Amino acid sequence: MDAKTQKSELTRAAIVGAGLDLASAEGLEAITLQAVADRIGLSKSGVFSRIGSREALQKAVIEEFGRRFLADVFVPAMQLPKGLPRLDEIVQRWIVRTRDVEARNGCIFSAGAFELDDREGPLRDLLHGEVTRWRSALRRTALQAIEVGHFKSDTDPEQLVSEISALMLGLIHDARFLRDNRAAERAQASWRRLRDTYKK
């Protein structure tokens, strides 16, 4: 990669990072080319030349949030054996990330879902795709826990994924809105209790 290309990639990363910070603080609709340009000291045309339209920037922000989320929560857990060890690691990492990142900065998956729930269009479609892919990955991990015999054979993986997701929404609410310093600790206790109801 030549120096010019590398600089362009770094600038694009800075633009997306600034957009992510803005969306985390104020929502996806707060992202504009001008607002991001102001944050990083570029001109509006400079942002446009590297990223394209406002919608392209919003999409890039959603994709970057998803990439960071998976890198923190899902990818490291793949080193563990299939089944409950892997699922448990995913949930534990999700709780820790929510406590350490989303509790301060907001969660684009959850806040974006509320922001876009009744608004049709490509941005909602992209966010919906990111969230449903994540839930599918959770479902596969839950299915593996059933297949290897860690969970009861009649476990409904869709129900389990729904319960885990509800638990995490409760955590983000309590950590951000209620400012409950013990929210992550409570979520871990709730997960252990939930997990044990499915174990053989």
Protein backbone atom coordinates (compact mmCIF):
# COMPACT_ATOMS: atom_id res chain seq x y z
CA MET A 1 0.00 0.00 0.00
CA ASP A 2 1.50 3.33 -1.06
CA ALA A 3 1.62 6.31 1.29
CA LYS A 4 -1.25 8.12 -0.46
CA THR A 5 -3.55 5.10 -0.26
CA GLN A 6 -2.59 4.50 3.36
CA LYS A 7 -3.34 8.12 4.26
CA SER A 8 -6.70 7.89 2.47
CA GLU A 9 -7.59 4.72 4.38
CA LEU A 10 -6.59 6.31 7.69
CA THR A 11 -8.70 9.37 6.89
CA ARG A 12 -11.67 7.16 6.01
CA ALA A 13 -11.24 5.28 9.29
CA ALA A 14 -11.18 8.62 11.16
CA ILE A 15 -14.37 9.70 9.37
CA VAL A 16 -16.19 6.48 10.25
CA GLY A 17 -14.87 6.63 13.81
CA ALA A 18 -16.15 10.18 14.21
CA GLY A 19 -19.50 9.11 12.78
CA LEU A 20 -19.63 6.22 15.22
CA ASP A 21 -18.94 8.55 18.14
CA LEU A 22 -21.66 10.90 16.95
CA ALA A 23 -24.21 8.11 16.45
CA SER A 24 -23.41 6.62 19.86
CA ALA A 25 -24.00 9.97 21.55
CA GLU A 26 -26.89 11.38 19.53
CA GLY A 27 -28.29 8.66 17.24
CA LEU A 28 -27.84 7.66 13.62
CA GLU A 29 -29.93 10.58 12.39
CA ALA A 30 -27.42 12.99 13.96
CA ILE A 31 -24.79 11.86 11.45
CA THR A 32 -24.22 14.46 8.74
CA LEU A 33 -21.22 15.05 6.55
CA GLN A 34 -20.78 18.52 8.04
CA ALA A 35 -21.01 17.30 11.66
CA VAL A 36 -18.36 14.66 11.01
CA ALA A 37 -16.19 17.11 9.06
CA ASP A 38 -16.30 19.51 12.01
CA ARG A 39 -15.24 16.75 14.41
CA ILE A 40 -12.11 15.79 12.51
CA GLY A 41 -11.11 19.08 10.92
CA LEU A 42 -11.90 18.23 7.30
CA SER A 43 -14.07 20.06 4.83
CA LYS A 44 -17.51 18.67 4.04
CA SER A 45 -16.33 17.98 0.48
CA GLY A 46 -13.30 16.16 1.90
CA VAL A 47 -15.58 13.84 3.84
CA PHE A 48 -17.80 13.33 0.79
CA SER A 49 -14.85 12.49 -1.47
CA ARG A 50 -13.76 9.72 0.89
CA ILE A 51 -17.08 8.27 2.03
CA GLY A 52 -19.82 9.44 -0.33
CA SER A 53 -23.30 10.44 0.75
CA ARG A 54 -24.70 10.88 4.25
CA GLU A 55 -26.48 7.53 3.90
CA ALA A 56 -23.21 5.84 2.87
CA LEU A 57 -21.62 7.26 6.02
CA GLN A 58 -24.50 6.06 8.19
CA LYS A 59 -24.18 2.58 6.66
CA ALA A 60 -20.42 2.56 7.20
CA VAL A 61 -21.00 3.46 10.86
CA ILE A 62 -23.45 0.58 11.36
CA GLU A 63 -21.04 -1.84 9.69
CA GLU A 64 -18.10 -0.61 11.79
CA PHE A 65 -20.09 -0.95 15.00
CA GLY A 66 -20.97 -4.52 14.00
CA ARG A 67 -17.32 -5.30 13.18
CA ARG A 68 -16.09 -3.99 16.53
CA PHE A 69 -18.87 -5.76 18.40
CA LEU A 70 -18.08 -9.13 16.83
CA ALA A 71 -14.34 -8.63 17.36
CA ASP A 72 -14.93 -8.06 21.08
CA VAL A 73 -17.72 -10.53 21.78
CA PHE A 74 -17.86 -13.32 19.22
CA VAL A 75 -14.46 -13.89 17.61
CA PRO A 76 -12.48 -14.58 20.84
CA ALA A 77 -15.15 -17.03 22.02
CA MET A 78 -14.59 -19.17 18.91
CA GLN A 79 -11.35 -20.37 20.53
CA LEU A 80 -13.37 -22.26 23.15
CA PRO A 81 -14.97 -25.68 22.66
CA LYS A 82 -18.39 -25.77 21.00
CA GLY A 83 -21.41 -25.75 23.24
CA LEU A 84 -21.86 -24.17 26.62
CA PRO A 85 -18.22 -23.03 27.09
CA ARG A 86 -18.45 -21.02 23.88
CA LEU A 87 -21.95 -19.65 24.55
CA ASP A 88 -21.04 -18.74 28.11
CA GLU A 89 -17.95 -16.87 26.89
CA ILE A 90 -20.02 -14.96 24.33
CA VAL A 91 -22.55 -13.84 26.94
CA GLN A 92 -19.86 -12.96 29.48
CA ARG A 93 -17.97 -10.91 26.89
CA TRP A 94 -21.21 -9.22 25.82
CA ILE A 95 -21.93 -8.23 29.42
CA VAL A 96 -18.40 -6.89 29.89
CA ARG A 97 -18.50 -4.94 26.61
CA THR A 98 -21.88 -3.47 27.53
CA ARG A 99 -20.53 -2.43 30.93
CA ASP A 100 -17.29 -0.99 29.58
CA VAL A 101 -18.32 0.41 26.16
CA GLU A 102 -22.07 0.70 25.54
CA ALA A 103 -22.89 1.87 29.07
CA ARG A 104 -20.74 4.94 28.35
CA ASN A 105 -21.19 5.40 24.61
CA GLY A 106 -24.54 3.81 23.76
CA CYS A 107 -25.36 0.75 21.67
CA ILE A 108 -26.11 1.31 18.01
CA PHE A 109 -27.77 -2.11 17.73
CA SER A 110 -30.33 -1.33 20.45
CA ALA A 111 -30.63 2.47 20.18
CA GLY A 112 -30.67 2.25 16.38
CA ALA A 113 -33.43 -0.34 16.52
CA PHE A 114 -35.63 2.03 18.52
CA GLU A 115 -34.67 4.94 16.28
CA LEU A 116 -35.47 3.11 13.04
CA ASP A 117 -38.15 0.64 14.12
CA ASP A 118 -40.98 2.41 12.25
CA ARG A 119 -38.91 3.88 9.44
CA GLU A 120 -38.61 1.83 6.27
CA GLY A 121 -35.58 2.14 4.04
CA PRO A 122 -32.04 0.90 3.36
CA LEU A 123 -30.64 2.08 6.69
CA ARG A 124 -33.22 0.11 8.66
CA ASP A 125 -32.65 -2.88 6.35
CA LEU A 126 -28.90 -2.79 7.00
CA LEU A 127 -29.30 -2.54 10.77
CA HIS A 128 -31.94 -5.28 10.71
CA GLY A 129 -29.53 -7.49 8.77
CA GLU A 130 -26.70 -6.88 11.24
CA VAL A 131 -28.91 -7.68 14.24
CA THR A 132 -30.52 -10.77 12.69
CA ARG A 133 -27.10 -12.11 11.63
CA TRP A 134 -25.88 -11.68 15.20
CA ARG A 135 -28.94 -13.47 16.57
CA SER A 136 -28.41 -16.27 14.02
CA ALA A 137 -24.83 -16.70 15.25
CA LEU A 138 -26.14 -16.90 18.82
CA ARG A 139 -28.76 -19.43 17.74
CA ARG A 140 -26.10 -21.63 16.08
CA THR A 141 -24.04 -21.54 19.26
CA ALA A 142 -27.11 -22.49 21.34
CA LEU A 143 -27.88 -25.33 18.92
CA GLN A 144 -24.34 -26.64 19.33
CA ALA A 145 -24.85 -26.65 23.11
CA ILE A 146 -27.92 -28.85 22.56
CA GLU A 147 -26.13 -31.11 20.06
CA VAL A 148 -23.14 -31.79 22.33
CA GLY A 149 -25.43 -32.49 25.28
CA HIS A 150 -24.79 -29.43 27.45
CA PHE A 151 -28.43 -28.32 27.20
CA LYS A 152 -31.62 -30.39 27.38
CA SER A 153 -32.69 -31.88 24.06
CA ASP A 154 -36.03 -30.02 24.12
CA THR A 155 -34.35 -26.61 24.47
CA ASP A 156 -35.81 -24.09 22.05
CA PRO A 157 -32.81 -22.12 20.71
CA GLU A 158 -35.01 -19.27 19.46
CA GLN A 159 -36.46 -18.85 22.94
CA LEU A 160 -33.01 -18.89 24.52
CA VAL A 161 -31.70 -16.26 22.08
CA SER A 162 -34.74 -14.10 22.78
CA GLU A 163 -34.12 -14.37 26.52
CA ILE A 164 -30.43 -13.53 26.20
CA SER A 165 -31.28 -10.52 24.03
CA ALA A 166 -33.89 -9.33 26.54
CA LEU A 167 -31.34 -9.70 29.33
CA MET A 168 -28.86 -7.53 27.43
CA LEU A 169 -31.46 -4.86 26.66
CA GLY A 170 -32.24 -4.77 30.37
CA LEU A 171 -28.55 -4.36 31.13
CA ILE A 172 -28.08 -1.44 28.74
CA HIS A 173 -31.19 0.23 30.18
CA ASP A 174 -30.10 -0.17 33.79
CA ALA A 175 -26.48 0.75 33.14
CA ARG A 176 -27.20 3.83 31.01
CA PHE A 177 -30.55 5.17 32.15
CA LEU A 178 -30.68 4.07 35.78
CA ARG A 179 -26.88 4.40 36.13
CA ASP A 180 -26.87 1.27 38.23
CA ASN A 181 -23.24 0.42 38.96
CA ARG A 182 -24.24 -3.15 39.71
CA ALA A 183 -26.16 -3.68 36.46
CA ALA A 184 -23.47 -5.92 34.92
CA GLU A 185 -23.20 -7.95 38.12
CA ARG A 186 -26.98 -8.44 38.12
CA ALA A 187 -26.91 -9.43 34.45
CA GLN A 188 -24.27 -12.06 35.16
CA ALA A 189 -26.40 -13.50 37.97
CA SER A 190 -29.45 -13.52 35.67
CA TRP A 191 -27.46 -15.28 32.94
CA ARG A 192 -26.26 -17.98 35.33
CA ARG A 193 -29.82 -18.58 36.50
CA LEU A 194 -31.14 -18.66 32.93
CA ARG A 195 -28.32 -20.93 31.72
CA ASP A 196 -28.95 -23.39 34.54
CA THR A 197 -32.61 -23.83 33.59
CA TYR A 198 -31.48 -25.23 30.21
CA LYS A 199 -28.61 -27.41 31.42
CA LYS A 200 -28.99 -31.18 31.50
